[in-house]
């Protein structure tokens, strides 16, 4: 008997949601340690709802960076969700009334599960189950982390600051399979490490992102359809 693809999609969604949602406890604790209160932490998590952008925002704030650098870093990392939307819109073909909530749930995980499905019906199942599952668990554990982290004191004393980098690395790791992506990541790390001691918090991240932009422009020009 052939397994129902929709059942398989739901199982993938639940697994991804649980694994991702647990990261929320680190974000909640780090956000409080960075100076945000519980209400501000939950507002950021509920409205921004993009793990990489959230960690970037509190990382800049916690390091003493300005609001402009924090917003720019978060926006830069969140821009990828717009590209996901361009890919998902024709694939899911949702009614207009569902597009706004779908936009809020368009993240790395929901895109990955949806695009891995064999047809539109199961892609919709994977997208909604993953998006809603991550949203529920991420915000639940964010609240838990914000409350527990506040009672425990500075979570960095327990090494939770390292969890932010580890969580973000886990998010981008599946996209580093190709040689080009690995070289871009390595070059971005070098730029970030070299500029961190001399620039304000947040700016090294933006400069590291410029590496990917430059490589993308150079690569495009060298393709058969490029300008040179």
Foldseek 3Di string as FASTA:
>chain_A
DDDDLLVVLLVLLLVLQVVLLLLLLLLLLLLVLLPDALVVLLVCCLQLVALLLSLQLSQQSSQVHDNVLSVVLSVVVVVVLVVLCVVVCVQQVDPPVCVVVLSSLRYLQLSVSLVVGDHNVSSVSNNVSNSVSNSVSSSVSSSVNNVVSVVVDRCVVVVSNVVSVVSVCVSCVVVCPDPVSVVLVVQLVVQLVVCVVPDRRNVSNVVSVVSVVVVVLVVQLPDPPHPD
